[in-house]
């Protein structure tokens, strides 16, 4: 699988959540859950289906939002899981 991330989105994610989007690669490799996001997102590429994955990184649960465009996985957001998400997925 090929991964892609936007430099501006990466900087924004680091500022907002304190983690680089590249951490999402590890989250996806260690996913304990991977679900469809039922909300609809309109982008320049049309209607976009997003997925939400929860995975362990160094014994800590993280959440990664991503989308697939053909064979390319585009990382959108990475953050620590909140308490509710931890209780649900751990």
PDB file of N, CA and C in Angstrom:
ATOM      1  N   UNK A   1       0.842  -1.175   0.000  1.00  0.00           N
ATOM      2  CA  UNK A   1       0.000   0.000   0.000  1.00  0.00           C
ATOM      3  C   UNK A   1       0.891   1.244   0.000  1.00  0.00           C
ATOM      4  N   UNK A   2       0.506   2.205  -0.793  1.00  0.00           N
ATOM      5  CA  UNK A   2       1.230   3.472  -0.884  1.00  0.00           C
ATOM      6  C   UNK A   2       0.527   4.488   0.015  1.00  0.00           C
ATOM      7  N   UNK A   3       1.310   5.202   0.819  1.00  0.00           N
ATOM      8  CA  UNK A   3       0.768   6.216   1.714  1.00  0.00           C
ATOM      9  C   UNK A   3       1.116   7.594   1.198  1.00  0.00           C
ATOM     10  N   UNK A   4       0.200   8.546   1.410  1.00  0.00           N
ATOM     11  CA  UNK A   4       0.435   9.919   0.988  1.00  0.00           C
ATOM     12  C   UNK A   4      -0.060  10.854   2.079  1.00  0.00           C
ATOM     13  N   UNK A   5       0.706  11.917   2.314  1.00  0.00           N
ATOM     14  CA  UNK A   5       0.247  12.935   3.242  1.00  0.00           C
ATOM     15  C   UNK A   5       0.618  14.305   2.708  1.00  0.00           C
ATOM     16  N   UNK A   6      -0.199  15.269   3.038  1.00  0.00           N
ATOM     17  CA  UNK A   6      -0.003  16.649   2.617  1.00  0.00           C
ATOM     18  C   UNK A   6       0.836  17.367   3.673  1.00  0.00           C
ATOM     19  N   UNK A   7       1.859  18.093   3.250  1.00  0.00           N
ATOM     20  CA  UNK A   7       2.761  18.778   4.192  1.00  0.00           C
ATOM     21  C   UNK A   7       2.017  19.799   5.054  1.00  0.00           C
ATOM     22  N   UNK A   8       1.091  20.552   4.451  1.00  0.00           N
ATOM     23  CA  UNK A   8       0.332  21.537   5.217  1.00  0.00           C
ATOM     24  C   UNK A   8      -0.586  20.854   6.227  1.00  0.00           C
ATOM     25  N   UNK A   9      -1.230  19.759   5.799  1.00  0.00           N
ATOM     26  CA  UNK A   9      -2.100  19.000   6.700  1.00  0.00           C
ATOM     27  C   UNK A   9      -1.278  18.383   7.828  1.00  0.00           C
ATOM     28  N   UNK A  10      -0.058  17.940   7.515  1.00  0.00           N
ATOM     29  CA  UNK A  10       0.833  17.373   8.527  1.00  0.00           C
ATOM     30  C   UNK A  10       1.193  18.430   9.570  1.00  0.00           C
ATOM     31  N   UNK A  11       1.533  19.618   9.122  1.00  0.00           N
ATOM     32  CA  UNK A  11       1.876  20.713  10.049  1.00  0.00           C
ATOM     33  C   UNK A  11       0.668  21.073  10.909  1.00  0.00           C
ATOM     34  N   UNK A  12      -0.507  21.103  10.307  1.00  0.00           N
ATOM     35  CA  UNK A  12      -1.732  21.406  11.038  1.00  0.00           C
ATOM     36  C   UNK A  12      -2.027  20.331  12.093  1.00  0.00           C
ATOM     37  N   UNK A  13      -1.832  19.070  11.723  1.00  0.00           N
ATOM     38  CA  UNK A  13      -2.078  17.969  12.663  1.00  0.00           C
ATOM     39  C   UNK A  13      -1.093  18.024  13.833  1.00  0.00           C
ATOM     40  N   UNK A  14       0.167  18.332  13.535  1.00  0.00           N
ATOM     41  CA  UNK A  14       1.164  18.439  14.607  1.00  0.00           C
ATOM     42  C   UNK A  14       0.838  19.592  15.544  1.00  0.00           C
ATOM     43  N   UNK A  15       0.353  20.688  14.999  1.00  0.00           N
ATOM     44  CA  UNK A  15      -0.012  21.834  15.817  1.00  0.00           C
ATOM     45  C   UNK A  15      -1.238  21.543  16.681  1.00  0.00           C
ATOM     46  N   UNK A  16      -2.235  20.892  16.093  1.00  0.00           N
ATOM     47  CA  UNK A  16      -3.487  20.620  16.792  1.00  0.00           C
ATOM     48  C   UNK A  16      -3.391  19.448  17.769  1.00  0.00           C
ATOM     49  N   UNK A  17      -2.748  18.338  17.334  1.00  0.00           N
ATOM     50  CA  UNK A  17      -2.744  17.106  18.131  1.00  0.00           C
ATOM     51  C   UNK A  17      -1.374  16.724  18.690  1.00  0.00           C
ATOM     52  N   UNK A  18      -0.313  17.357  18.173  1.00  0.00           N
ATOM     53  CA  UNK A  18       1.023  17.071  18.683  1.00  0.00           C
ATOM     54  C   UNK A  18       1.715  15.866  18.065  1.00  0.00           C
ATOM     55  N   UNK A  19       1.162  15.342  16.965  1.00  0.00           N
ATOM     56  CA  UNK A  19       1.743  14.155  16.335  1.00  0.00           C
ATOM     57  C   UNK A  19       1.785  14.314  14.820  1.00  0.00           C
ATOM     58  N   UNK A  20       2.833  13.778  14.185  1.00  0.00           N
ATOM     59  CA  UNK A  20       2.911  13.845  12.727  1.00  0.00           C
ATOM     60  C   UNK A  20       1.953  12.838  12.087  1.00  0.00           C
ATOM     61  N   UNK A  21       1.484  13.152  10.890  1.00  0.00           N
ATOM     62  CA  UNK A  21       0.611  12.226  10.174  1.00  0.00           C
ATOM     63  C   UNK A  21       1.298  10.888   9.897  1.00  0.00           C
ATOM     64  N   UNK A  22       2.611  10.899   9.768  1.00  0.00           N
ATOM     65  CA  UNK A  22       3.347   9.658   9.485  1.00  0.00           C
ATOM     66  C   UNK A  22       3.105   8.597  10.558  1.00  0.00           C
ATOM     67  N   UNK A  23       2.744   9.020  11.765  1.00  0.00           N
ATOM     68  CA  UNK A  23       2.429   8.067  12.827  1.00  0.00           C
ATOM     69  C   UNK A  23       1.231   7.202  12.430  1.00  0.00           C
ATOM     70  N   UNK A  24       0.414   7.702  11.552  1.00  0.00           N
ATOM     71  CA  UNK A  24      -0.745   6.955  11.065  1.00  0.00           C
ATOM     72  C   UNK A  24      -0.366   5.645  10.409  1.00  0.00           C
ATOM     73  N   UNK A  25       0.811   5.578   9.806  1.00  0.00           N
ATOM     74  CA  UNK A  25       1.263   4.324   9.188  1.00  0.00           C
ATOM     75  C   UNK A  25       1.350   3.223  10.238  1.00  0.00           C
ATOM     76  N   UNK A  26       1.868   3.573  11.412  1.00  0.00           N
ATOM     77  CA  UNK A  26       2.004   2.594  12.497  1.00  0.00           C
ATOM     78  C   UNK A  26       0.626   2.247  13.059  1.00  0.00           C
ATOM     79  N   UNK A  27      -0.236   3.252  13.195  1.00  0.00           N
ATOM     80  CA  UNK A  27      -1.598   3.005  13.682  1.00  0.00           C
ATOM     81  C   UNK A  27      -2.291   1.993  12.779  1.00  0.00           C
ATOM     82  N   UNK A  28      -2.188   2.178  11.476  1.00  0.00           N
ATOM     83  CA  UNK A  28      -2.841   1.270  10.531  1.00  0.00           C
ATOM     84  C   UNK A  28      -2.231  -0.134  10.573  1.00  0.00           C
ATOM     85  N   UNK A  29      -0.929  -0.227  10.755  1.00  0.00           N
ATOM     86  CA  UNK A  29      -0.283  -1.541  10.842  1.00  0.00           C
ATOM     87  C   UNK A  29      -0.711  -2.290  12.090  1.00  0.00           C
ATOM     88  N   UNK A  30      -1.011  -1.568  13.169  1.00  0.00           N
ATOM     89  CA  UNK A  30      -1.372  -2.182  14.449  1.00  0.00           C
ATOM     90  C   UNK A  30      -2.854  -2.004  14.770  1.00  0.00           C
ATOM     91  N   UNK A  31      -3.679  -1.856  13.748  1.00  0.00           N
ATOM     92  CA  UNK A  31      -5.096  -1.542  13.956  1.00  0.00           C
ATOM     93  C   UNK A  31      -5.837  -2.645  14.708  1.00  0.00           C
ATOM     94  N   UNK A  32      -6.607  -2.213  15.713  1.00  0.00           N
ATOM     95  CA  UNK A  32      -7.509  -3.113  16.430  1.00  0.00           C
ATOM     96  C   UNK A  32      -8.948  -2.888  15.952  1.00  0.00           C
ATOM     97  N   UNK A  33      -9.151  -1.795  15.221  1.00  0.00           N
ATOM     98  CA  UNK A  33     -10.456  -1.484  14.637  1.00  0.00           C
ATOM     99  C   UNK A  33     -10.239  -0.622  13.401  1.00  0.00           C
ATOM    100  N   UNK A  34     -11.104  -0.805  12.418  1.00  0.00           N
ATOM    101  CA  UNK A  34     -11.061  -0.012  11.188  1.00  0.00           C
ATOM    102  C   UNK A  34     -12.497   0.073  10.691  1.00  0.00           C
ATOM    103  N   UNK A  35     -13.120   1.243  10.880  1.00  0.00           N
ATOM    104  CA  UNK A  35     -14.536   1.385  10.566  1.00  0.00           C
ATOM    105  C   UNK A  35     -14.780   2.488   9.542  1.00  0.00           C
ATOM    106  N   UNK A  36     -15.900   2.375   8.863  1.00  0.00           N
ATOM    107  CA  UNK A  36     -16.327   3.377   7.890  1.00  0.00           C
ATOM    108  C   UNK A  36     -16.889   4.582   8.633  1.00  0.00           C
ATOM    109  N   UNK A  37     -16.481   5.783   8.239  1.00  0.00           N
ATOM    110  CA  UNK A  37     -17.044   7.014   8.789  1.00  0.00           C
ATOM    111  C   UNK A  37     -18.327   7.302   8.007  1.00  0.00           C
ATOM    112  N   UNK A  38     -19.493   7.294   8.643  1.00  0.00           N
ATOM    113  CA  UNK A  38     -20.753   7.460   7.915  1.00  0.00           C
ATOM    114  C   UNK A  38     -21.013   8.878   7.395  1.00  0.00           C
ATOM    115  N   UNK A  39     -20.234   9.846   7.863  1.00  0.00           N
ATOM    116  CA  UNK A  39     -20.430  11.217   7.385  1.00  0.00           C
ATOM    117  C   UNK A  39     -19.929  11.330   5.943  1.00  0.00           C
ATOM    118  N   UNK A  40     -20.492  12.271   5.202  1.00  0.00           N
ATOM    119  CA  UNK A  40     -20.084  12.485   3.820  1.00  0.00           C
ATOM    120  C   UNK A  40     -19.169  13.706   3.731  1.00  0.00           C
ATOM    121  N   UNK A  41     -18.107  13.576   2.948  1.00  0.00           N
ATOM    122  CA  UNK A  41     -17.132  14.658   2.769  1.00  0.00           C
ATOM    123  C   UNK A  41     -16.981  14.966   1.290  1.00  0.00           C
ATOM    124  N   UNK A  42     -17.230  16.212   0.929  1.00  0.00           N
ATOM    125  CA  UNK A  42     -17.061  16.642  -0.448  1.00  0.00           C
ATOM    126  C   UNK A  42     -15.676  17.271  -0.580  1.00  0.00           C
ATOM    127  N   UNK A  43     -14.889  16.776  -1.528  1.00  0.00           N
ATOM    128  CA  UNK A  43     -13.555  17.305  -1.781  1.00  0.00           C
ATOM    129  C   UNK A  43     -13.447  17.698  -3.246  1.00  0.00           C
ATOM    130  N   UNK A  44     -12.293  18.182  -3.627  1.00  0.00           N
ATOM    131  CA  UNK A  44     -12.073  18.534  -5.035  1.00  0.00           C
ATOM    132  C   UNK A  44     -12.138  17.308  -5.938  1.00  0.00           C
ATOM    133  N   UNK A  45     -12.042  16.111  -5.334  1.00  0.00           N
ATOM    134  CA  UNK A  45     -12.103  14.859  -6.086  1.00  0.00           C
ATOM    135  C   UNK A  45     -13.512  14.265  -6.093  1.00  0.00           C
ATOM    136  N   UNK A  46     -14.465  14.975  -5.497  1.00  0.00           N
ATOM    137  CA  UNK A  46     -15.836  14.492  -5.404  1.00  0.00           C
ATOM    138  C   UNK A  46     -16.129  13.998  -4.003  1.00  0.00           C
ATOM    139  N   UNK A  47     -17.188  13.231  -3.879  1.00  0.00           N
ATOM    140  CA  UNK A  47     -17.583  12.682  -2.579  1.00  0.00           C
ATOM    141  C   UNK A  47     -16.535  11.674  -2.120  1.00  0.00           C
ATOM    142  N   UNK A  48     -16.069  11.853  -0.890  1.00  0.00           N
ATOM    143  CA  UNK A  48     -14.962  11.040  -0.380  1.00  0.00           C
ATOM    144  C   UNK A  48     -15.423  10.165   0.783  1.00  0.00           C
ATOM    145  N   UNK A  49     -15.112   8.887   0.710  1.00  0.00           N
ATOM    146  CA  UNK A  49     -15.386   7.971   1.808  1.00  0.00           C
ATOM    147  C   UNK A  49     -14.175   7.946   2.727  1.00  0.00           C
ATOM    148  N   UNK A  50     -14.424   8.171   4.004  1.00  0.00           N
ATOM    149  CA  UNK A  50     -13.323   8.150   4.977  1.00  0.00           C
ATOM    150  C   UNK A  50     -13.462   6.967   5.914  1.00  0.00           C
ATOM    151  N   UNK A  51     -12.322   6.555   6.449  1.00  0.00           N
ATOM    152  CA  UNK A  51     -12.267   5.450   7.393  1.00  0.00           C
ATOM    153  C   UNK A  51     -11.579   5.929   8.665  1.00  0.00           C
ATOM    154  N   UNK A  52     -11.924   5.293   9.776  1.00  0.00           N
ATOM    155  CA  UNK A  52     -11.336   5.620  11.072  1.00  0.00           C
ATOM    156  C   UNK A  52     -10.726   4.338  11.618  1.00  0.00           C
ATOM    157  N   UNK A  53      -9.415   4.369  11.859  1.00  0.00           N
ATOM    158  CA  UNK A  53      -8.717   3.212  12.407  1.00  0.00           C
ATOM    159  C   UNK A  53      -8.193   3.547  13.796  1.00  0.00           C
ATOM    160  N   UNK A  54      -8.253   2.568  14.679  1.00  0.00           N
ATOM    161  CA  UNK A  54      -7.674   2.683  16.020  1.00  0.00           C
ATOM    162  C   UNK A  54      -6.582   1.634  16.118  1.00  0.00           C
ATOM    163  N   UNK A  55      -5.408   2.051  16.562  1.00  0.00           N
ATOM    164  CA  UNK A  55      -4.299   1.111  16.658  1.00  0.00           C
ATOM    165  C   UNK A  55      -3.329   1.516  17.751  1.00  0.00           C
ATOM    166  N   UNK A  56      -2.570   0.530  18.187  1.00  0.00           N
ATOM    167  CA  UNK A  56      -1.614   0.744  19.269  1.00  0.00           C
ATOM    168  C   UNK A  56      -0.266   1.217  18.752  1.00  0.00           C
ATOM    169  N   UNK A  57       0.272   2.222  19.434  1.00  0.00           N
ATOM    170  CA  UNK A  57       1.625   2.711  19.196  1.00  0.00           C
ATOM    171  C   UNK A  57       2.277   2.807  20.568  1.00  0.00           C
ATOM    172  N   UNK A  58       3.283   1.975  20.804  1.00  0.00           N
ATOM    173  CA  UNK A  58       3.974   1.952  22.095  1.00  0.00           C
ATOM    174  C   UNK A  58       2.981   1.835  23.261  1.00  0.00           C
ATOM    175  N   UNK A  59       2.081   0.887  23.160  1.00  0.00           N
ATOM    176  CA  UNK A  59       1.084   0.582  24.199  1.00  0.00           C
ATOM    177  C   UNK A  59       0.047   1.684  24.423  1.00  0.00           C
ATOM    178  N   UNK A  60      -0.059   2.634  23.513  1.00  0.00           N
ATOM    179  CA  UNK A  60      -1.037   3.722  23.617  1.00  0.00           C
ATOM    180  C   UNK A  60      -1.942   3.651  22.404  1.00  0.00           C
ATOM    181  N   UNK A  61      -3.256   3.800  22.597  1.00  0.00           N
ATOM    182  CA  UNK A  61      -4.203   3.744  21.491  1.00  0.00           C
ATOM    183  C   UNK A  61      -4.281   5.094  20.784  1.00  0.00           C
ATOM    184  N   UNK A  62      -4.156   5.053  19.460  1.00  0.00           N
ATOM    185  CA  UNK A  62      -4.258   6.240  18.618  1.00  0.00           C
ATOM    186  C   UNK A  62      -5.375   6.044  17.604  1.00  0.00           C
ATOM    187  N   UNK A  63      -5.887   7.164  17.088  1.00  0.00           N
ATOM    188  CA  UNK A  63      -6.930   7.174  16.070  1.00  0.00           C
ATOM    189  C   UNK A  63      -6.361   7.818  14.816  1.00  0.00           C
ATOM    190  N   UNK A  64      -6.585   7.162  13.686  1.00  0.00           N
ATOM    191  CA  UNK A  64      -6.123   7.677  12.393  1.00  0.00           C
ATOM    192  C   UNK A  64      -7.310   7.746  11.442  1.00  0.00           C
ATOM    193  N   UNK A  65      -7.546   8.916  10.868  1.00  0.00           N
ATOM    194  CA  UNK A  65      -8.580   9.082   9.846  1.00  0.00           C
ATOM    195  C   UNK A  65      -7.871   9.098   8.501  1.00  0.00           C
ATOM    196  N   UNK A  66      -8.402   8.319   7.566  1.00  0.00           N
ATOM    197  CA  UNK A  66      -7.770   8.233   6.250  1.00  0.00           C
ATOM    198  C   UNK A  66      -8.800   7.948   5.173  1.00  0.00           C
ATOM    199  N   UNK A  67      -8.383   8.079   3.938  1.00  0.00           N
ATOM    200  CA  UNK A  67      -9.224   7.744   2.802  1.00  0.00           C
ATOM    201  C   UNK A  67      -8.378   7.014   1.770  1.00  0.00           C
ATOM    202  N   UNK A  68      -9.031   6.209   0.958  1.00  0.00           N
ATOM    203  CA  UNK A  68      -8.339   5.502  -0.126  1.00  0.00           C
ATOM    204  C   UNK A  68      -8.716   6.157  -1.446  1.00  0.00           C
ATOM    205  N   UNK A  69      -7.716   6.466  -2.232  1.00  0.00           N
ATOM    206  CA  UNK A  69      -7.916   6.951  -3.604  1.00  0.00           C
ATOM    207  C   UNK A  69      -7.167   5.993  -4.505  1.00  0.00           C
ATOM    208  N   UNK A  70      -7.911   5.142  -5.171  1.00  0.00           N
ATOM    209  CA  UNK A  70      -7.339   4.044  -5.936  1.00  0.00           C
ATOM    210  C   UNK A  70      -6.516   3.187  -4.977  1.00  0.00           C
ATOM    211  N   UNK A  71      -5.234   3.048  -5.202  1.00  0.00           N
ATOM    212  CA  UNK A  71      -4.372   2.228  -4.339  1.00  0.00           C
ATOM    213  C   UNK A  71      -3.563   3.071  -3.349  1.00  0.00           C
ATOM    214  N   UNK A  72      -3.897   4.361  -3.252  1.00  0.00           N
ATOM    215  CA  UNK A  72      -3.151   5.276  -2.388  1.00  0.00           C
ATOM    216  C   UNK A  72      -3.948   5.575  -1.123  1.00  0.00           C
ATOM    217  N   UNK A  73      -3.303   5.403   0.017  1.00  0.00           N
ATOM    218  CA  UNK A  73      -3.910   5.704   1.317  1.00  0.00           C
ATOM    219  C   UNK A  73      -3.492   7.124   1.705  1.00  0.00           C
ATOM    220  N   UNK A  74      -4.473   8.028   1.778  1.00  0.00           N
ATOM    221  CA  UNK A  74      -4.188   9.415   2.133  1.00  0.00           C
ATOM    222  C   UNK A  74      -4.533   9.631   3.599  1.00  0.00           C
ATOM    223  N   UNK A  75      -3.520   9.952   4.397  1.00  0.00           N
ATOM    224  CA  UNK A  75      -3.704  10.164   5.834  1.00  0.00           C
ATOM    225  C   UNK A  75      -4.245  11.563   6.077  1.00  0.00           C
ATOM    226  N   UNK A  76      -5.284  11.666   6.901  1.00  0.00           N
ATOM    227  CA  UNK A  76      -5.967  12.930   7.125  1.00  0.00           C
ATOM    228  C   UNK A  76      -5.718  13.472   8.533  1.00  0.00           C
ATOM    229  N   UNK A  77      -5.746  12.590   9.531  1.00  0.00           N
ATOM    230  CA  UNK A  77      -5.601  13.034  10.917  1.00  0.00           C
ATOM    231  C   UNK A  77      -5.094  11.885  11.783  1.00  0.00           C
ATOM    232  N   UNK A  78      -4.267  12.220  12.775  1.00  0.00           N
ATOM    233  CA  UNK A  78      -3.778  11.250  13.765  1.00  0.00           C
ATOM    234  C   UNK A  78      -3.800  11.934  15.126  1.00  0.00           C
ATOM    235  N   UNK A  79      -4.356  11.228  16.103  1.00  0.00           N
ATOM    236  CA  UNK A  79      -4.415  11.780  17.459  1.00  0.00           C
ATOM    237  C   UNK A  79      -4.492  10.639  18.462  1.00  0.00           C
ATOM    238  N   UNK A  80      -4.258  10.963  19.745  1.00  0.00           N
ATOM    239  CA  UNK A  80      -4.446   9.986  20.805  1.00  0.00           C
ATOM    240  C   UNK A  80      -5.934   9.704  20.956  1.00  0.00           C
ATOM    241  N   UNK A  81      -6.272   8.458  21.250  1.00  0.00           N
ATOM    242  CA  UNK A  81      -7.665   8.105  21.491  1.00  0.00           C
ATOM    243  C   UNK A  81      -8.128   8.719  22.816  1.00  0.00           C
ATOM    244  N   UNK A  82      -9.383   9.129  22.842  1.00  0.00           N
ATOM    245  CA  UNK A  82      -9.932   9.655  24.096  1.00  0.00           C
ATOM    246  C   UNK A  82     -10.365   8.484  24.986  1.00  0.00           C
ATOM    247  N   UNK A  83     -10.809   8.773  26.198  1.00  0.00           N
ATOM    248  CA  UNK A  83     -11.162   7.715  27.157  1.00  0.00           C
ATOM    249  C   UNK A  83     -12.287   6.824  26.638  1.00  0.00           C
ATOM    250  N   UNK A  84     -13.274   7.417  26.002  1.00  0.00           N
ATOM    251  CA  UNK A  84     -14.389   6.639  25.457  1.00  0.00           C
ATOM    252  C   UNK A  84     -13.900   5.660  24.392  1.00  0.00           C
ATOM    253  N   UNK A  85     -13.031   6.129  23.516  1.00  0.00           N
ATOM    254  CA  UNK A  85     -12.477   5.256  22.469  1.00  0.00           C
ATOM    255  C   UNK A  85     -11.600   4.164  23.072  1.00  0.00           C
ATOM    256  N   UNK A  86     -10.843   4.501  24.100  1.00  0.00           N
ATOM    257  CA  UNK A  86     -10.004   3.497  24.754  1.00  0.00           C
ATOM    258  C   UNK A  86     -10.859   2.404  25.375  1.00  0.00           C
ATOM    259  N   UNK A  87     -11.934   2.789  26.037  1.00  0.00           N
ATOM    260  CA  UNK A  87     -12.812   1.807  26.660  1.00  0.00           C
ATOM    261  C   UNK A  87     -13.477   0.910  25.610  1.00  0.00           C
ATOM    262  N   UNK A  88     -13.799   1.477  24.477  1.00  0.00           N
ATOM    263  CA  UNK A  88     -14.474   0.713  23.430  1.00  0.00           C
ATOM    264  C   UNK A  88     -13.538  -0.263  22.734  1.00  0.00           C
ATOM    265  N   UNK A  89     -12.297   0.119  22.472  1.00  0.00           N
ATOM    266  CA  UNK A  89     -11.416  -0.677  21.610  1.00  0.00           C
ATOM    267  C   UNK A  89     -10.320  -1.436  22.343  1.00  0.00           C
ATOM    268  N   UNK A  90     -10.117  -1.177  23.618  1.00  0.00           N
ATOM    269  CA  UNK A  90      -9.082  -1.931  24.351  1.00  0.00           C
ATOM    270  C   UNK A  90      -9.683  -2.980  25.258  1.00  0.00           C
TER     271      UNK A  90
END
